[in-house]
Amino acid sequence: MRLILMGPPGAGKGTQAKFIADHFGVPAISTGDIFRANVSQGTPLGVEAKRYMEAGEYVPDEVTNQMVRNRISEPDADPGFLLDGYPRTLAQVEELDAMIADTGHQLDAVVVIKADSDELVQRLLARSEIEGRADDSEEVIRRRQEIYLAETEPLIAVYLQRGLVHEIDGMGEVEEVTKRIFEALDQIDQS
């Protein structure tokens, strides 16, 4: 099973990624984790990415793409993977297509967790209080939502044309959302 997980900030992607990955026996791969691993290991890509990250700049696609390519070619990703945070641009969609084609596989599904934006703002404000994230003001959270919509809507449109998108209602208890995701994905897994 080769999946992409998308959803606005606060939709529960990180939580659901763990459940989905365990369910299908594949690694949950987040670009944030890949960046941190490469930086902490001092890989050439990590050194390059760190330069941009420390300057507060966007890590260029070619660096991100190579990190993802390296990660999905590791043995634990042979049976599949779940990507969280990648692709973020149309160019990355094309790059991911090429990466997967190189392995002789194809993408199975794109899970898009949908949730009410006001509810997500409240979730994130509560989380920022619990975790002491002073930078998570309502204004910052709403701006991140706008960026998500602007950046990911075109990607979702591409995957909708391919018939890969499964929109999941992200409202309710964690277990309810997980059940909705499994119901959608188990149909693919059986076909």
Protein backbone atom coordinates (compact mmCIF):
# COMPACT_ATOMS: atom_id res chain seq x y z
CA MET A 1 0.00 0.00 0.00
CA ARG A 2 1.46 3.32 -1.11
CA LEU A 3 -0.40 6.29 0.32
CA ILE A 4 -0.28 10.04 0.68
CA LEU A 5 -1.94 11.62 3.70
CA MET A 6 -3.14 15.22 3.37
CA GLY A 7 -5.13 17.53 5.56
CA PRO A 8 -4.98 20.99 7.07
CA PRO A 9 -2.92 21.75 10.18
CA GLY A 10 -4.64 20.23 13.21
CA ALA A 11 -6.66 17.65 11.26
CA GLY A 12 -4.92 14.79 13.05
CA LYS A 13 -2.59 13.59 10.28
CA GLY A 14 0.23 12.68 12.65
CA THR A 15 -2.08 10.65 14.87
CA GLN A 16 -3.80 8.90 11.97
CA ALA A 17 -0.51 8.24 10.15
CA LYS A 18 0.64 5.96 12.99
CA PHE A 19 -2.60 3.94 12.93
CA ILE A 20 -2.65 3.62 9.13
CA ALA A 21 1.03 2.63 8.93
CA ASP A 22 0.58 -0.02 11.65
CA HIS A 23 -2.59 -1.34 9.98
CA PHE A 24 -0.87 -1.86 6.61
CA GLY A 25 2.60 -2.72 7.95
CA VAL A 26 4.29 0.18 6.15
CA PRO A 27 6.44 3.04 7.45
CA ALA A 28 4.84 6.44 8.07
CA ILE A 29 7.23 8.89 6.45
CA SER A 30 6.96 12.59 7.26
CA THR A 31 9.18 15.13 5.56
CA GLY A 32 9.82 16.72 8.95
CA ASP A 33 11.20 13.40 10.26
CA ILE A 34 13.30 12.93 7.11
CA PHE A 35 14.78 16.44 7.48
CA ARG A 36 15.56 15.90 11.16
CA ALA A 37 17.14 12.48 10.51
CA ASN A 38 19.37 13.78 7.71
CA VAL A 39 20.40 16.85 9.72
CA SER A 40 21.15 14.85 12.89
CA GLN A 41 23.14 12.25 10.91
CA GLY A 42 25.06 14.99 9.12
CA THR A 43 24.37 13.55 5.67
CA PRO A 44 25.36 15.74 2.71
CA LEU A 45 21.64 16.41 2.07
CA GLY A 46 21.13 17.13 5.77
CA VAL A 47 23.98 19.66 5.79
CA GLU A 48 22.48 21.38 2.76
CA ALA A 49 18.94 21.37 4.19
CA LYS A 50 20.17 22.70 7.53
CA ARG A 51 21.62 25.76 5.79
CA TYR A 52 18.18 26.68 4.45
CA MET A 53 16.31 25.75 7.63
CA GLU A 54 18.60 27.87 9.83
CA ALA A 55 18.06 30.82 7.49
CA GLY A 56 14.30 30.30 7.80
CA GLU A 57 14.05 29.48 4.11
CA TYR A 58 12.17 26.82 2.21
CA VAL A 59 14.32 23.73 1.56
CA PRO A 60 14.59 23.50 -2.27
CA ASP A 61 12.61 20.78 -4.04
CA GLU A 62 15.73 19.04 -5.33
CA VAL A 63 16.99 18.48 -1.75
CA THR A 64 13.58 17.40 -0.45
CA ASN A 65 13.00 15.14 -3.47
CA GLN A 66 16.32 13.36 -3.02
CA MET A 67 15.68 12.83 0.70
CA VAL A 68 12.26 11.32 -0.06
CA ARG A 69 13.70 9.19 -2.89
CA ASN A 70 16.39 7.85 -0.53
CA ARG A 71 13.85 7.16 2.22
CA ILE A 72 11.31 5.29 0.09
CA SER A 73 14.11 3.15 -1.38
CA GLU A 74 14.99 1.79 2.08
CA PRO A 75 14.06 -1.89 2.65
CA ASP A 76 11.25 -1.18 5.15
CA ALA A 77 9.41 0.77 2.41
CA ASP A 78 9.44 -2.19 -0.04
CA PRO A 79 5.89 -3.26 0.90
CA GLY A 80 4.72 0.37 0.71
CA PHE A 81 4.70 3.62 2.65
CA LEU A 82 2.57 6.46 3.89
CA LEU A 83 3.80 9.95 3.02
CA ASP A 84 2.84 12.88 5.24
CA GLY A 85 3.94 16.35 4.13
CA TYR A 86 5.01 15.32 0.63
CA PRO A 87 4.30 16.19 -2.12
CA ARG A 88 3.64 19.90 -1.49
CA THR A 89 4.01 21.23 -5.03
CA LEU A 90 2.94 20.11 -8.51
CA ALA A 91 6.61 19.61 -9.39
CA GLN A 92 6.91 17.25 -6.41
CA VAL A 93 3.86 15.29 -7.64
CA GLU A 94 5.70 14.64 -10.91
CA GLU A 95 8.88 13.73 -9.05
CA LEU A 96 7.01 11.31 -6.79
CA ASP A 97 5.37 9.71 -9.84
CA ALA A 98 8.85 9.07 -11.25
CA MET A 99 10.16 7.70 -7.94
CA ILE A 100 7.30 5.23 -7.63
CA ALA A 101 7.48 4.27 -11.33
CA ASP A 102 11.20 3.49 -10.83
CA THR A 103 10.19 0.85 -8.28
CA GLY A 104 7.64 -0.70 -10.63
CA HIS A 105 4.75 0.23 -8.35
CA GLN A 106 2.03 2.85 -8.34
CA LEU A 107 0.35 5.11 -5.82
CA ASP A 108 -2.70 3.40 -4.29
CA ALA A 109 -4.55 6.25 -2.60
CA VAL A 110 -4.51 9.83 -1.37
CA VAL A 111 -6.33 10.24 1.94
CA VAL A 112 -7.52 13.80 2.51
CA ILE A 113 -8.73 14.47 6.05
CA LYS A 114 -11.35 17.24 5.93
CA ALA A 115 -12.33 19.25 8.97
CA ASP A 116 -14.10 22.48 9.87
CA SER A 117 -11.54 25.31 9.93
CA ASP A 118 -12.96 26.97 13.07
CA GLU A 119 -12.87 23.64 14.89
CA LEU A 120 -9.25 23.13 13.81
CA VAL A 121 -8.30 26.58 15.09
CA GLN A 122 -9.76 25.68 18.49
CA ARG A 123 -7.92 22.31 18.49
CA LEU A 124 -4.61 23.97 17.67
CA LEU A 125 -5.08 26.76 20.22
CA ALA A 126 -5.79 24.11 22.88
CA ARG A 127 -2.76 22.08 21.77
CA SER A 128 -0.53 25.17 21.87
CA GLU A 129 -1.59 25.82 25.48
CA ILE A 130 -0.89 22.22 26.50
CA GLU A 131 2.45 22.08 24.66
CA GLY A 132 3.42 25.67 25.44
CA ARG A 133 3.68 26.76 21.80
CA ALA A 134 3.53 30.51 22.20
CA ASP A 135 3.91 31.04 18.45
CA ASP A 136 0.59 29.31 17.70
CA SER A 137 -1.71 32.33 17.85
CA GLU A 138 -5.09 32.27 16.12
CA GLU A 139 -3.72 34.58 13.43
CA VAL A 140 -0.73 32.29 12.75
CA ILE A 141 -2.93 29.19 12.70
CA ARG A 142 -5.39 30.75 10.24
CA ARG A 143 -2.49 31.83 8.01
CA ARG A 144 -1.14 28.26 7.96
CA GLN A 145 -4.62 27.07 6.95
CA GLU A 146 -4.68 29.56 4.06
CA ILE A 147 -1.25 28.41 2.89
CA TYR A 148 -2.34 24.76 3.11
CA LEU A 149 -5.42 25.44 0.98
CA ALA A 150 -3.49 27.46 -1.60
CA GLU A 151 -0.70 24.88 -1.89
CA THR A 152 -2.62 21.61 -1.67
CA GLU A 153 -5.84 22.29 -3.57
CA PRO A 154 -4.02 21.97 -6.94
CA LEU A 155 -2.45 18.68 -5.79
CA ILE A 156 -5.78 17.28 -4.65
CA ALA A 157 -7.23 18.22 -8.05
CA VAL A 158 -4.50 16.20 -9.82
CA TYR A 159 -5.13 13.15 -7.65
CA LEU A 160 -8.92 13.54 -8.00
CA GLN A 161 -8.50 13.31 -11.80
CA ARG A 162 -6.61 10.05 -11.24
CA GLY A 163 -9.40 8.68 -9.04
CA LEU A 164 -7.08 8.26 -6.04
CA VAL A 165 -8.62 10.68 -3.53
CA HIS A 166 -10.56 9.48 -0.50
CA GLU A 167 -11.96 12.40 1.45
CA ILE A 168 -12.45 11.50 5.09
CA ASP A 169 -14.47 13.45 7.64
CA GLY A 170 -11.88 14.36 10.27
CA MET A 171 -14.41 15.51 12.86
CA GLY A 172 -15.23 13.36 15.88
CA GLU A 173 -13.27 11.03 18.11
CA VAL A 174 -9.89 9.76 16.90
CA GLU A 175 -11.20 6.18 16.74
CA GLU A 176 -14.16 7.22 14.56
CA VAL A 177 -11.87 8.98 12.08
CA THR A 178 -9.52 5.97 12.02
CA LYS A 179 -12.48 3.67 11.31
CA ARG A 180 -13.59 5.88 8.38
CA ILE A 181 -10.07 5.79 6.92
CA PHE A 182 -9.78 2.00 7.24
CA GLU A 183 -13.19 1.47 5.63
CA ALA A 184 -12.09 3.51 2.59
CA LEU A 185 -8.62 1.94 2.33
CA ASP A 186 -9.61 -1.65 3.01
CA GLN A 187 -11.71 -1.56 -0.16
CA ILE A 188 -8.60 -0.70 -2.17
CA ASP A 189 -6.48 -3.28 -0.39
CA GLN A 190 -8.96 -6.02 -1.41
CA SER A 191 -9.15 -5.00 -5.05
